[in-house]
Amino acid sequence: MKNNVRTIVFCVVRKVVELLMKEVRSILQNGIDHRSQKDSNDVDVDYKDLLGQVMSYRGGYSATDRRKIESQMFHGNLRAIISTNALELGIDIGSLDAVVMCGFPISVANFHQQSGRAGRRNNDSLTVLVGSNDPISQHYMKQPECLLETDFPDLVLDFENLIVLEAHYNVLHLKFHSKRIYQMSWFFSKIIHNIYN
């Protein structure tokens, strides 16, 4: 961050955003003792001047807070933002230099979307995938060339998988009033039919 590399870090889940932001704040507040590292004779590095230049972004923030963070990033007041996929598309946060993905996103299409957040306007960029131990991450860590293929499959909802459908239905039922779900029955009729028949 001292080199003014504007970066977005994508985390798969909100909890990782919160934990990573907490760790980054701690490092920026307390510095890093390089003397404890094996091959370094450097003294402590002070990062306190960067403390206000890193923010997190995720669902659950008020619309006002989200617009403020977006504006700060767009106008170059932030050097880094740690986010869920909430910033994956549709929000202009200006020119970025690097993307770091903590864990593989939902699909290859999402990988390309997140990677595309950096390097706009014909500028060079860097994408780093930090793989987790889940099978999908490990697949792409072992076969990274698959990420560069031009054809990638769409995500498909399997209407025959009743376990998944029931979970989706229950979330929708909690999120929206049940009367509204029935008003939208044109969309959910197949799901409801499969779950309850």
Protein backbone atom coordinates (compact mmCIF):
# COMPACT_ATOMS: atom_id res chain seq x y z
CA MET A 1 0.00 0.00 0.00
CA LYS A 2 2.96 2.33 0.48
CA ASN A 3 3.47 2.18 -3.31
CA ASN A 4 -0.05 3.49 -3.94
CA VAL A 5 -1.32 0.27 -5.51
CA ARG A 6 -5.09 0.62 -5.34
CA THR A 7 -6.44 -2.80 -4.40
CA ILE A 8 -9.72 -4.61 -3.83
CA VAL A 9 -9.77 -7.79 -1.79
CA PHE A 10 -12.76 -10.06 -2.39
CA CYS A 11 -13.76 -12.48 0.35
CA VAL A 12 -16.31 -15.22 -0.21
CA VAL A 13 -18.15 -14.63 3.08
CA ARG A 14 -18.85 -11.65 5.31
CA LYS A 15 -17.09 -13.15 8.33
CA VAL A 16 -13.80 -13.33 6.41
CA VAL A 17 -14.21 -9.65 5.44
CA GLU A 18 -14.62 -8.76 9.11
CA LEU A 19 -11.67 -10.89 10.27
CA LEU A 20 -9.35 -9.64 7.54
CA MET A 21 -10.30 -6.02 8.20
CA LYS A 22 -9.61 -6.51 11.91
CA GLU A 23 -6.18 -7.96 11.13
CA VAL A 24 -5.32 -5.19 8.64
CA ARG A 25 -6.33 -2.52 11.17
CA SER A 26 -4.13 -4.19 13.78
CA ILE A 27 -1.13 -4.24 11.42
CA LEU A 28 -1.68 -0.62 10.38
CA GLN A 29 -2.13 0.51 13.98
CA ASN A 30 0.72 -1.47 15.53
CA GLY A 31 3.14 -1.80 12.61
CA ILE A 32 5.18 -4.87 11.73
CA ASP A 33 8.33 -5.92 13.53
CA HIS A 34 10.56 -7.05 10.66
CA ARG A 35 13.35 -7.90 13.11
CA SER A 36 11.46 -11.07 14.01
CA GLN A 37 11.64 -12.28 10.41
CA LYS A 38 14.43 -14.68 9.61
CA ASP A 39 16.21 -12.87 6.76
CA SER A 40 15.58 -9.22 7.60
CA ASN A 41 17.48 -6.65 9.64
CA ASP A 42 14.90 -3.89 9.08
CA VAL A 43 13.43 -1.92 11.93
CA ASP A 44 9.75 -1.51 12.66
CA VAL A 45 7.68 -0.12 9.79
CA ASP A 46 5.00 2.43 10.66
CA TYR A 47 1.76 2.19 8.68
CA LYS A 48 -0.45 4.43 10.83
CA ASP A 49 -0.72 7.01 8.04
CA LEU A 50 -2.59 4.38 5.99
CA LEU A 51 -5.12 3.56 8.70
CA GLY A 52 -7.93 5.67 7.20
CA GLN A 53 -7.22 4.49 3.67
CA VAL A 54 -8.54 0.94 4.04
CA MET A 55 -12.24 0.17 4.42
CA SER A 56 -14.46 -2.87 4.36
CA TYR A 57 -17.61 -3.16 2.25
CA ARG A 58 -20.34 -5.77 2.60
CA GLY A 59 -24.05 -6.26 2.82
CA GLY A 60 -25.57 -5.00 6.04
CA TYR A 61 -24.16 -1.48 5.80
CA SER A 62 -26.67 1.33 5.39
CA ALA A 63 -27.13 2.75 1.90
CA THR A 64 -25.56 6.01 3.11
CA ASP A 65 -22.45 4.23 4.40
CA ARG A 66 -22.13 2.21 1.19
CA ARG A 67 -22.36 5.34 -1.01
CA LYS A 68 -19.75 7.08 1.18
CA ILE A 69 -17.28 4.17 0.83
CA GLU A 70 -17.93 3.93 -2.93
CA SER A 71 -17.31 7.67 -3.31
CA GLN A 72 -14.10 7.52 -1.27
CA MET A 73 -12.78 4.70 -3.43
CA PHE A 74 -13.86 6.38 -6.67
CA HIS A 75 -12.14 9.66 -5.77
CA GLY A 76 -8.89 7.95 -4.72
CA ASN A 77 -9.22 8.54 -0.98
CA LEU A 78 -8.90 4.82 -0.26
CA ARG A 79 -5.98 2.61 -1.18
CA ALA A 80 -7.72 -0.67 -0.44
CA ILE A 81 -11.17 -2.05 0.10
CA ILE A 82 -12.02 -5.46 1.54
CA SER A 83 -15.36 -6.66 0.23
CA THR A 84 -17.74 -9.51 -0.35
CA ASN A 85 -18.96 -9.91 -3.92
CA ALA A 86 -21.15 -6.85 -3.27
CA LEU A 87 -18.61 -4.81 -5.28
CA GLU A 88 -18.24 -7.39 -8.02
CA LEU A 89 -20.32 -5.49 -10.56
CA GLY A 90 -22.57 -2.53 -11.12
CA ILE A 91 -20.76 -0.01 -8.92
CA ASP A 92 -18.10 2.32 -10.29
CA ILE A 93 -15.30 2.61 -7.76
CA GLY A 94 -12.73 4.02 -10.13
CA SER A 95 -9.48 2.62 -11.43
CA LEU A 96 -7.88 -0.22 -9.49
CA ASP A 97 -4.46 -1.80 -9.85
CA ALA A 98 -4.88 -5.16 -8.13
CA VAL A 99 -7.50 -7.72 -7.17
CA VAL A 100 -6.94 -10.28 -4.43
CA MET A 101 -9.48 -13.10 -4.06
CA CYS A 102 -9.53 -14.88 -0.72
CA GLY A 103 -11.00 -18.19 -1.82
CA PHE A 104 -12.46 -19.01 -5.20
CA PRO A 105 -15.62 -17.06 -6.09
CA ILE A 106 -18.88 -18.81 -6.94
CA SER A 107 -17.99 -19.54 -10.56
CA VAL A 108 -15.42 -18.91 -13.28
CA ALA A 109 -17.67 -16.11 -14.55
CA ASN A 110 -17.46 -14.48 -11.11
CA PHE A 111 -13.68 -14.94 -11.19
CA HIS A 112 -13.52 -13.04 -14.48
CA GLN A 113 -15.89 -10.35 -13.19
CA GLN A 114 -13.83 -9.80 -10.05
CA SER A 115 -10.55 -9.86 -11.99
CA GLY A 116 -11.96 -7.28 -14.36
CA ARG A 117 -12.34 -4.74 -11.57
CA ALA A 118 -8.63 -3.88 -11.99
CA GLY A 119 -6.67 -2.76 -15.03
CA ARG A 120 -9.30 -0.69 -16.76
CA ARG A 121 -8.39 2.06 -19.21
CA ASN A 122 -5.63 -0.16 -20.66
CA ASN A 123 -3.59 -0.09 -17.44
CA ASP A 124 -1.64 -3.09 -16.24
CA SER A 125 -3.15 -5.00 -13.34
CA LEU A 126 -2.60 -7.95 -11.08
CA THR A 127 -5.02 -10.63 -9.93
CA VAL A 128 -4.07 -12.93 -7.07
CA LEU A 129 -6.16 -15.96 -6.09
CA VAL A 130 -5.51 -17.11 -2.54
CA GLY A 131 -6.95 -20.61 -2.60
CA SER A 132 -8.71 -22.12 0.36
CA ASN A 133 -8.91 -25.81 1.15
CA ASP A 134 -12.33 -26.38 -0.43
CA PRO A 135 -12.41 -28.68 -3.50
CA ILE A 136 -13.28 -25.95 -6.02
CA SER A 137 -10.41 -23.69 -4.92
CA GLN A 138 -8.03 -26.63 -4.97
CA HIS A 139 -9.14 -27.62 -8.48
CA TYR A 140 -8.27 -24.19 -9.86
CA MET A 141 -5.07 -23.92 -7.84
CA LYS A 142 -3.89 -27.18 -9.45
CA GLN A 143 -5.22 -26.32 -12.93
CA PRO A 144 -5.04 -22.51 -13.27
CA GLU A 145 -5.21 -22.72 -17.06
CA CYS A 146 -8.91 -23.60 -16.68
CA LEU A 147 -9.51 -20.04 -15.48
CA LEU A 148 -8.39 -18.61 -18.80
CA GLU A 149 -10.65 -20.71 -21.02
CA THR A 150 -13.09 -18.59 -22.97
CA ASP A 151 -16.08 -20.89 -22.54
CA PHE A 152 -17.32 -21.51 -19.05
CA PRO A 153 -20.57 -23.05 -17.91
CA ASP A 154 -23.51 -21.07 -16.58
CA LEU A 155 -24.75 -21.66 -13.06
CA VAL A 156 -27.87 -23.78 -13.15
CA LEU A 157 -30.49 -24.31 -10.48
CA ASP A 158 -31.36 -27.99 -10.38
CA PHE A 159 -35.12 -28.14 -9.82
CA GLU A 160 -34.82 -31.84 -9.04
CA ASN A 161 -32.59 -31.26 -5.99
CA LEU A 162 -35.23 -30.89 -3.30
CA ILE A 163 -32.74 -30.24 -0.49
CA VAL A 164 -31.32 -27.18 -2.23
CA LEU A 165 -34.75 -25.98 -3.36
CA GLU A 166 -36.18 -26.25 0.13
CA ALA A 167 -33.27 -24.23 1.55
CA HIS A 168 -33.82 -21.50 -1.06
CA TYR A 169 -37.54 -21.48 -0.43
CA ASN A 170 -37.05 -21.18 3.35
CA VAL A 171 -34.71 -18.21 2.92
CA LEU A 172 -37.17 -16.49 0.59
CA HIS A 173 -40.02 -17.22 2.99
CA LEU A 174 -38.09 -15.53 5.83
CA LYS A 175 -36.93 -12.61 3.70
CA PHE A 176 -40.30 -11.78 2.16
CA HIS A 177 -43.76 -11.98 3.61
CA SER A 178 -45.32 -15.30 2.62
CA LYS A 179 -48.20 -13.50 0.85
CA ARG A 180 -45.69 -11.86 -1.45
CA ILE A 181 -44.20 -15.25 -2.35
CA TYR A 182 -47.59 -16.47 -3.48
CA GLN A 183 -48.04 -13.28 -5.53
CA MET A 184 -44.80 -14.19 -7.28
CA SER A 185 -45.96 -17.75 -7.83
CA TRP A 186 -45.27 -17.51 -11.56
CA PHE A 187 -41.61 -17.70 -10.62
CA PHE A 188 -41.80 -20.11 -7.72
CA SER A 189 -44.48 -22.51 -8.93
CA LYS A 190 -41.99 -25.17 -9.99
CA ILE A 191 -40.00 -24.84 -6.77
CA ILE A 192 -43.10 -25.02 -4.58
CA HIS A 193 -44.42 -27.95 -6.61
CA ASN A 194 -41.16 -29.91 -6.21
CA ILE A 195 -40.81 -29.21 -2.49
CA TYR A 196 -44.33 -30.05 -1.45
CA ASN A 197 -45.24 -32.84 -3.88
